[in-house]
PDB file of N, CA and C in Angstrom:
ATOM      1  N   MET A   1      -6.352  -8.997  -9.215  1.00  0.00           N
ATOM      2  CA  MET A   1      -5.331  -9.057 -10.236  1.00  0.00           C
ATOM      3  C   MET A   1      -4.484 -10.310 -10.078  1.00  0.00           C
ATOM      4  N   LYS A   2      -4.129 -10.634  -8.833  1.00  0.00           N
ATOM      5  CA  LYS A   2      -3.295 -11.805  -8.597  1.00  0.00           C
ATOM      6  C   LYS A   2      -3.991 -13.068  -9.076  1.00  0.00           C
ATOM      7  N   ILE A   3      -5.292 -13.143  -8.870  1.00  0.00           N
ATOM      8  CA  ILE A   3      -6.043 -14.323  -9.285  1.00  0.00           C
ATOM      9  C   ILE A   3      -6.099 -14.402 -10.809  1.00  0.00           C
ATOM     10  N   GLU A   4      -6.314 -13.267 -11.458  1.00  0.00           N
ATOM     11  CA  GLU A   4      -6.388 -13.224 -12.919  1.00  0.00           C
ATOM     12  C   GLU A   4      -5.052 -13.523 -13.580  1.00  0.00           C
ATOM     13  N   LYS A   5      -3.994 -12.879 -13.108  1.00  0.00           N
ATOM     14  CA  LYS A   5      -2.695 -12.940 -13.780  1.00  0.00           C
ATOM     15  C   LYS A   5      -1.720 -13.907 -13.120  1.00  0.00           C
ATOM     16  N   GLY A   6      -2.070 -14.426 -11.952  1.00  0.00           N
ATOM     17  CA  GLY A   6      -1.162 -15.323 -11.242  1.00  0.00           C
ATOM     18  C   GLY A   6      -0.251 -14.562 -10.298  1.00  0.00           C
ATOM     19  N   VAL A   7       0.529 -15.294  -9.557  1.00  0.00           N
ATOM     20  CA  VAL A   7       1.451 -14.697  -8.595  1.00  0.00           C
ATOM     21  C   VAL A   7       2.603 -14.057  -9.356  1.00  0.00           C
ATOM     22  N   PRO A   8       2.854 -12.768  -9.115  1.00  0.00           N
ATOM     23  CA  PRO A   8       3.934 -12.109  -9.848  1.00  0.00           C
ATOM     24  C   PRO A   8       5.302 -12.523  -9.308  1.00  0.00           C
ATOM     25  N   HIS A   9       6.278 -12.551 -10.180  1.00  0.00           N
ATOM     26  CA  HIS A   9       7.655 -12.810  -9.775  1.00  0.00           C
ATOM     27  C   HIS A   9       8.340 -11.455  -9.681  1.00  0.00           C
ATOM     28  N   LEU A  10       8.526 -10.986  -8.445  1.00  0.00           N
ATOM     29  CA  LEU A  10       9.055  -9.651  -8.213  1.00  0.00           C
ATOM     30  C   LEU A  10      10.500  -9.724  -7.733  1.00  0.00           C
ATOM     31  N   ASN A  11      11.285  -8.714  -8.095  1.00  0.00           N
ATOM     32  CA  ASN A  11      12.628  -8.631  -7.533  1.00  0.00           C
ATOM     33  C   ASN A  11      12.510  -8.164  -6.083  1.00  0.00           C
ATOM     34  N   SER A  12      13.609  -8.125  -5.379  1.00  0.00           N
ATOM     35  CA  SER A  12      13.552  -7.833  -3.936  1.00  0.00           C
ATOM     36  C   SER A  12      13.030  -6.425  -3.651  1.00  0.00           C
ATOM     37  N   ASP A  13      13.378  -5.442  -4.489  1.00  0.00           N
ATOM     38  CA  ASP A  13      12.906  -4.077  -4.266  1.00  0.00           C
ATOM     39  C   ASP A  13      11.391  -3.980  -4.414  1.00  0.00           C
ATOM     40  N   GLN A  14      10.859  -4.575  -5.467  1.00  0.00           N
ATOM     41  CA  GLN A  14       9.418  -4.513  -5.699  1.00  0.00           C
ATOM     42  C   GLN A  14       8.661  -5.393  -4.706  1.00  0.00           C
ATOM     43  N   HIS A  15       9.284  -6.471  -4.280  1.00  0.00           N
ATOM     44  CA  HIS A  15       8.676  -7.327  -3.258  1.00  0.00           C
ATOM     45  C   HIS A  15       8.540  -6.550  -1.951  1.00  0.00           C
ATOM     46  N   SER A  16       9.586  -5.829  -1.574  1.00  0.00           N
ATOM     47  CA  SER A  16       9.545  -4.996  -0.365  1.00  0.00           C
ATOM     48  C   SER A  16       8.493  -3.908  -0.503  1.00  0.00           C
ATOM     49  N   ARG A  17       8.436  -3.294  -1.671  1.00  0.00           N
ATOM     50  CA  ARG A  17       7.432  -2.246  -1.927  1.00  0.00           C
ATOM     51  C   ARG A  17       6.027  -2.814  -1.761  1.00  0.00           C
ATOM     52  N   TYR A  18       5.792  -3.994  -2.348  1.00  0.00           N
ATOM     53  CA  TYR A  18       4.483  -4.647  -2.269  1.00  0.00           C
ATOM     54  C   TYR A  18       4.081  -4.891  -0.814  1.00  0.00           C
ATOM     55  N   PHE A  19       5.003  -5.437  -0.016  1.00  0.00           N
ATOM     56  CA  PHE A  19       4.659  -5.739   1.367  1.00  0.00           C
ATOM     57  C   PHE A  19       4.570  -4.485   2.227  1.00  0.00           C
ATOM     58  N   ASN A  20       5.292  -3.436   1.879  1.00  0.00           N
ATOM     59  CA  ASN A  20       5.119  -2.160   2.575  1.00  0.00           C
ATOM     60  C   ASN A  20       3.716  -1.615   2.336  1.00  0.00           C
ATOM     61  N   ILE A  21       3.236  -1.741   1.112  1.00  0.00           N
ATOM     62  CA  ILE A  21       1.880  -1.292   0.781  1.00  0.00           C
ATOM     63  C   ILE A  21       0.856  -2.076   1.583  1.00  0.00           C
ATOM     64  N   VAL A  22       1.032  -3.390   1.617  1.00  0.00           N
ATOM     65  CA  VAL A  22       0.104  -4.248   2.367  1.00  0.00           C
ATOM     66  C   VAL A  22       0.117  -3.880   3.847  1.00  0.00           C
ATOM     67  N   ALA A  23       1.298  -3.681   4.409  1.00  0.00           N
ATOM     68  CA  ALA A  23       1.410  -3.355   5.833  1.00  0.00           C
ATOM     69  C   ALA A  23       0.769  -2.010   6.158  1.00  0.00           C
ATOM     70  N   ILE A  24       1.005  -1.012   5.317  1.00  0.00           N
ATOM     71  CA  ILE A  24       0.428   0.317   5.554  1.00  0.00           C
ATOM     72  C   ILE A  24      -1.089   0.265   5.438  1.00  0.00           C
ATOM     73  N   GLU A  25      -1.595  -0.441   4.421  1.00  0.00           N
ATOM     74  CA  GLU A  25      -3.050  -0.550   4.267  1.00  0.00           C
ATOM     75  C   GLU A  25      -3.676  -1.265   5.458  1.00  0.00           C
ATOM     76  N   PHE A  26      -3.026  -2.309   5.964  1.00  0.00           N
ATOM     77  CA  PHE A  26      -3.546  -3.020   7.137  1.00  0.00           C
ATOM     78  C   PHE A  26      -3.560  -2.094   8.352  1.00  0.00           C
ATOM     79  N   HIS A  27      -2.472  -1.367   8.539  1.00  0.00           N
ATOM     80  CA  HIS A  27      -2.367  -0.456   9.680  1.00  0.00           C
ATOM     81  C   HIS A  27      -3.446   0.629   9.603  1.00  0.00           C
ATOM     82  N   LEU A  28      -3.646   1.180   8.419  1.00  0.00           N
ATOM     83  CA  LEU A  28      -4.690   2.192   8.230  1.00  0.00           C
ATOM     84  C   LEU A  28      -6.074   1.617   8.523  1.00  0.00           C
ATOM     85  N   GLN A  29      -6.319   0.409   8.059  1.00  0.00           N
ATOM     86  CA  GLN A  29      -7.609  -0.239   8.303  1.00  0.00           C
ATOM     87  C   GLN A  29      -7.848  -0.404   9.801  1.00  0.00           C
ATOM     88  N   GLN A  30      -6.836  -0.839  10.518  1.00  0.00           N
ATOM     89  CA  GLN A  30      -6.974  -1.035  11.961  1.00  0.00           C
ATOM     90  C   GLN A  30      -7.223   0.293  12.680  1.00  0.00           C
ATOM     91  N   LEU A  31      -6.489   1.324  12.306  1.00  0.00           N
ATOM     92  CA  LEU A  31      -6.684   2.632  12.938  1.00  0.00           C
ATOM     93  C   LEU A  31      -8.060   3.201  12.630  1.00  0.00           C
ATOM     94  N   ASN A  32      -8.528   3.041  11.407  1.00  0.00           N
ATOM     95  CA  ASN A  32      -9.849   3.555  11.044  1.00  0.00           C
ATOM     96  C   ASN A  32     -10.969   2.793  11.742  1.00  0.00           C
ATOM     97  N   GLN A  33     -10.767   1.528  12.012  1.00  0.00           N
ATOM     98  CA  GLN A  33     -11.781   0.747  12.720  1.00  0.00           C
ATOM     99  C   GLN A  33     -11.915   1.183  14.178  1.00  0.00           C
ATOM    100  N   LEU A  34     -10.843   1.725  14.729  1.00  0.00           N
ATOM    101  CA  LEU A  34     -10.891   2.197  16.120  1.00  0.00           C
ATOM    102  C   LEU A  34     -11.761   3.437  16.272  1.00  0.00           C
ATOM    103  N   LYS A  35     -11.885   4.197  15.193  1.00  0.00           N
ATOM    104  CA  LYS A  35     -12.703   5.412  15.170  1.00  0.00           C
ATOM    105  C   LYS A  35     -12.321   6.388  16.290  1.00  0.00           C
ATOM    106  N   ILE A  36     -11.020   6.593  16.441  1.00  0.00           N
ATOM    107  CA  ILE A  36     -10.506   7.543  17.427  1.00  0.00           C
ATOM    108  C   ILE A  36     -10.258   8.859  16.711  1.00  0.00           C
ATOM    109  N   SER A  37     -10.768   9.941  17.269  1.00  0.00           N
ATOM    110  CA  SER A  37     -10.600  11.246  16.629  1.00  0.00           C
ATOM    111  C   SER A  37      -9.553  12.099  17.337  1.00  0.00           C
ATOM    112  N   CYS A  38      -8.674  11.479  18.081  1.00  0.00           N
ATOM    113  CA  CYS A  38      -7.575  12.168  18.756  1.00  0.00           C
ATOM    114  C   CYS A  38      -6.655  12.794  17.699  1.00  0.00           C
ATOM    115  N   VAL A  39      -6.154  13.970  17.970  1.00  0.00           N
ATOM    116  CA  VAL A  39      -5.314  14.700  17.018  1.00  0.00           C
ATOM    117  C   VAL A  39      -4.088  13.885  16.620  1.00  0.00           C
ATOM    118  N   ALA A  40      -3.451  13.237  17.568  1.00  0.00           N
ATOM    119  CA  ALA A  40      -2.256  12.449  17.274  1.00  0.00           C
ATOM    120  C   ALA A  40      -2.573  11.284  16.340  1.00  0.00           C
ATOM    121  N   VAL A  41      -3.686  10.630  16.558  1.00  0.00           N
ATOM    122  CA  VAL A  41      -4.075   9.499  15.711  1.00  0.00           C
ATOM    123  C   VAL A  41      -4.432   9.984  14.314  1.00  0.00           C
ATOM    124  N   VAL A  42      -5.150  11.083  14.222  1.00  0.00           N
ATOM    125  CA  VAL A  42      -5.521  11.639  12.924  1.00  0.00           C
ATOM    126  C   VAL A  42      -4.271  12.038  12.144  1.00  0.00           C
ATOM    127  N   LYS A  43      -3.294  12.643  12.809  1.00  0.00           N
ATOM    128  CA  LYS A  43      -2.043  13.016  12.143  1.00  0.00           C
ATOM    129  C   LYS A  43      -1.291  11.770  11.682  1.00  0.00           C
ATOM    130  N   HIS A  44      -1.300  10.735  12.513  1.00  0.00           N
ATOM    131  CA  HIS A  44      -0.640   9.481  12.154  1.00  0.00           C
ATOM    132  C   HIS A  44      -1.298   8.869  10.911  1.00  0.00           C
ATOM    133  N   ILE A  45      -2.620   8.876  10.882  1.00  0.00           N
ATOM    134  CA  ILE A  45      -3.355   8.361   9.718  1.00  0.00           C
ATOM    135  C   ILE A  45      -3.011   9.182   8.480  1.00  0.00           C
ATOM    136  N   ASP A  46      -2.963  10.489   8.618  1.00  0.00           N
ATOM    137  CA  ASP A  46      -2.615  11.361   7.479  1.00  0.00           C
ATOM    138  C   ASP A  46      -1.215  11.051   6.954  1.00  0.00           C
ATOM    139  N   ARG A  47      -0.259  10.841   7.879  1.00  0.00           N
ATOM    140  CA  ARG A  47       1.106  10.516   7.462  1.00  0.00           C
ATOM    141  C   ARG A  47       1.155   9.173   6.727  1.00  0.00           C
ATOM    142  N   LEU A  48       0.414   8.195   7.255  1.00  0.00           N
ATOM    143  CA  LEU A  48       0.376   6.889   6.603  1.00  0.00           C
ATOM    144  C   LEU A  48      -0.263   6.972   5.221  1.00  0.00           C
ATOM    145  N   GLU A  49      -1.331   7.746   5.100  1.00  0.00           N
ATOM    146  CA  GLU A  49      -1.989   7.910   3.799  1.00  0.00           C
ATOM    147  C   GLU A  49      -1.063   8.606   2.806  1.00  0.00           C
ATOM    148  N   ALA A  50      -0.298   9.581   3.274  1.00  0.00           N
ATOM    149  CA  ALA A  50       0.658  10.270   2.399  1.00  0.00           C
ATOM    150  C   ALA A  50       1.770   9.316   1.966  1.00  0.00           C
ATOM    151  N   LYS A  51       2.232   8.506   2.900  1.00  0.00           N
ATOM    152  CA  LYS A  51       3.274   7.534   2.586  1.00  0.00           C
ATOM    153  C   LYS A  51       2.758   6.502   1.583  1.00  0.00           C
ATOM    154  N   LEU A  52       1.529   6.061   1.759  1.00  0.00           N
ATOM    155  CA  LEU A  52       0.924   5.109   0.841  1.00  0.00           C
ATOM    156  C   LEU A  52       0.778   5.717  -0.549  1.00  0.00           C
ATOM    157  N   ALA A  53       0.350   6.953  -0.612  1.00  0.00           N
ATOM    158  CA  ALA A  53       0.212   7.640  -1.905  1.00  0.00           C
ATOM    159  C   ALA A  53       1.567   7.764  -2.598  1.00  0.00           C
ATOM    160  N   HIS A  54       2.608   8.021  -1.814  1.00  0.00           N
ATOM    161  CA  HIS A  54       3.950   8.146  -2.373  1.00  0.00           C
ATOM    162  C   HIS A  54       4.438   6.799  -2.914  1.00  0.00           C
ATOM    163  N   ILE A  55       4.260   5.750  -2.136  1.00  0.00           N
ATOM    164  CA  ILE A  55       4.739   4.425  -2.541  1.00  0.00           C
ATOM    165  C   ILE A  55       3.978   3.908  -3.760  1.00  0.00           C
ATOM    166  N   THR A  56       2.675   4.142  -3.789  1.00  0.00           N
ATOM    167  CA  THR A  56       1.856   3.636  -4.895  1.00  0.00           C
ATOM    168  C   THR A  56       1.800   4.593  -6.076  1.00  0.00           C
ATOM    169  N   LYS A  57       2.306   5.794  -5.893  1.00  0.00           N
ATOM    170  CA  LYS A  57       2.254   6.847  -6.919  1.00  0.00           C
ATOM    171  C   LYS A  57       0.809   7.130  -7.323  1.00  0.00           C
ATOM    172  N   ASP A  58      -0.108   6.923  -6.407  1.00  0.00           N
ATOM    173  CA  ASP A  58      -1.548   7.130  -6.626  1.00  0.00           C
ATOM    174  C   ASP A  58      -2.087   6.343  -7.828  1.00  0.00           C
ATOM    175  N   LEU A  59      -1.472   5.217  -8.110  1.00  0.00           N
ATOM    176  CA  LEU A  59      -1.927   4.378  -9.221  1.00  0.00           C
ATOM    177  C   LEU A  59      -3.095   3.505  -8.789  1.00  0.00           C
ATOM    178  N   GLU A  60      -3.934   3.163  -9.735  1.00  0.00           N
ATOM    179  CA  GLU A  60      -5.004   2.205  -9.486  1.00  0.00           C
ATOM    180  C   GLU A  60      -4.352   0.844  -9.240  1.00  0.00           C
ATOM    181  N   PRO A  61      -5.007  -0.048  -8.493  1.00  0.00           N
ATOM    182  CA  PRO A  61      -4.399  -1.350  -8.183  1.00  0.00           C
ATOM    183  C   PRO A  61      -3.920  -2.122  -9.417  1.00  0.00           C
ATOM    184  N   ALA A  62      -4.698  -2.148 -10.477  1.00  0.00           N
ATOM    185  CA  ALA A  62      -4.292  -2.877 -11.687  1.00  0.00           C
ATOM    186  C   ALA A  62      -3.028  -2.274 -12.294  1.00  0.00           C
ATOM    187  N   ASP A  63      -2.972  -0.957 -12.348  1.00  0.00           N
ATOM    188  CA  ASP A  63      -1.800  -0.277 -12.903  1.00  0.00           C
ATOM    189  C   ASP A  63      -0.580  -0.471 -12.008  1.00  0.00           C
ATOM    190  N   LEU A  64      -0.794  -0.438 -10.704  1.00  0.00           N
ATOM    191  CA  LEU A  64       0.295  -0.652  -9.754  1.00  0.00           C
ATOM    192  C   LEU A  64       0.846  -2.062  -9.904  1.00  0.00           C
ATOM    193  N   PHE A  65      -0.026  -3.036 -10.030  1.00  0.00           N
ATOM    194  CA  PHE A  65       0.360  -4.422 -10.211  1.00  0.00           C
ATOM    195  C   PHE A  65       1.259  -4.566 -11.457  1.00  0.00           C
ATOM    196  N   LEU A  66       0.828  -3.950 -12.542  1.00  0.00           N
ATOM    197  CA  LEU A  66       1.618  -4.014 -13.775  1.00  0.00           C
ATOM    198  C   LEU A  66       2.966  -3.310 -13.628  1.00  0.00           C
ATOM    199  N   GLU A  67       2.966  -2.191 -12.913  1.00  0.00           N
ATOM    200  CA  GLU A  67       4.239  -1.481 -12.696  1.00  0.00           C
ATOM    201  C   GLU A  67       5.199  -2.311 -11.865  1.00  0.00           C
ATOM    202  N   LEU A  68       4.702  -2.965 -10.839  1.00  0.00           N
ATOM    203  CA  LEU A  68       5.544  -3.819 -10.011  1.00  0.00           C
ATOM    204  C   LEU A  68       6.208  -4.902 -10.862  1.00  0.00           C
ATOM    205  N   ILE A  69       5.440  -5.477 -11.758  1.00  0.00           N
ATOM    206  CA  ILE A  69       5.974  -6.523 -12.622  1.00  0.00           C
ATOM    207  C   ILE A  69       6.981  -5.942 -13.603  1.00  0.00           C
ATOM    208  N   GLU A  70       6.664  -4.798 -14.196  1.00  0.00           N
ATOM    209  CA  GLU A  70       7.577  -4.180 -15.175  1.00  0.00           C
ATOM    210  C   GLU A  70       8.907  -3.798 -14.557  1.00  0.00           C
ATOM    211  N   LEU A  71       8.882  -3.320 -13.312  1.00  0.00           N
ATOM    212  CA  LEU A  71      10.117  -2.874 -12.662  1.00  0.00           C
ATOM    213  C   LEU A  71      10.946  -4.025 -12.085  1.00  0.00           C
ATOM    214  N   SER A  72      10.383  -5.229 -12.109  1.00  0.00           N
ATOM    215  CA  SER A  72      11.113  -6.385 -11.586  1.00  0.00           C
ATOM    216  C   SER A  72      12.063  -6.953 -12.612  1.00  0.00           C
TER     217      SER A  72
END
């Protein structure tokens, strides 16, 4: 989306939201690559996935991108 539409001009709230999403997705990717099935790690992954769903409102990336721009 960024390549198609260009770099969005976001206000500080939406900018923080965007980078929180990026950070959570990176953290989830790293934890999933470890392939640890420890209960604590699985619970941590579940919490991160729930937090990500809350922040993104379960929107598709294109829709989320447009919402970030609209709310800025």
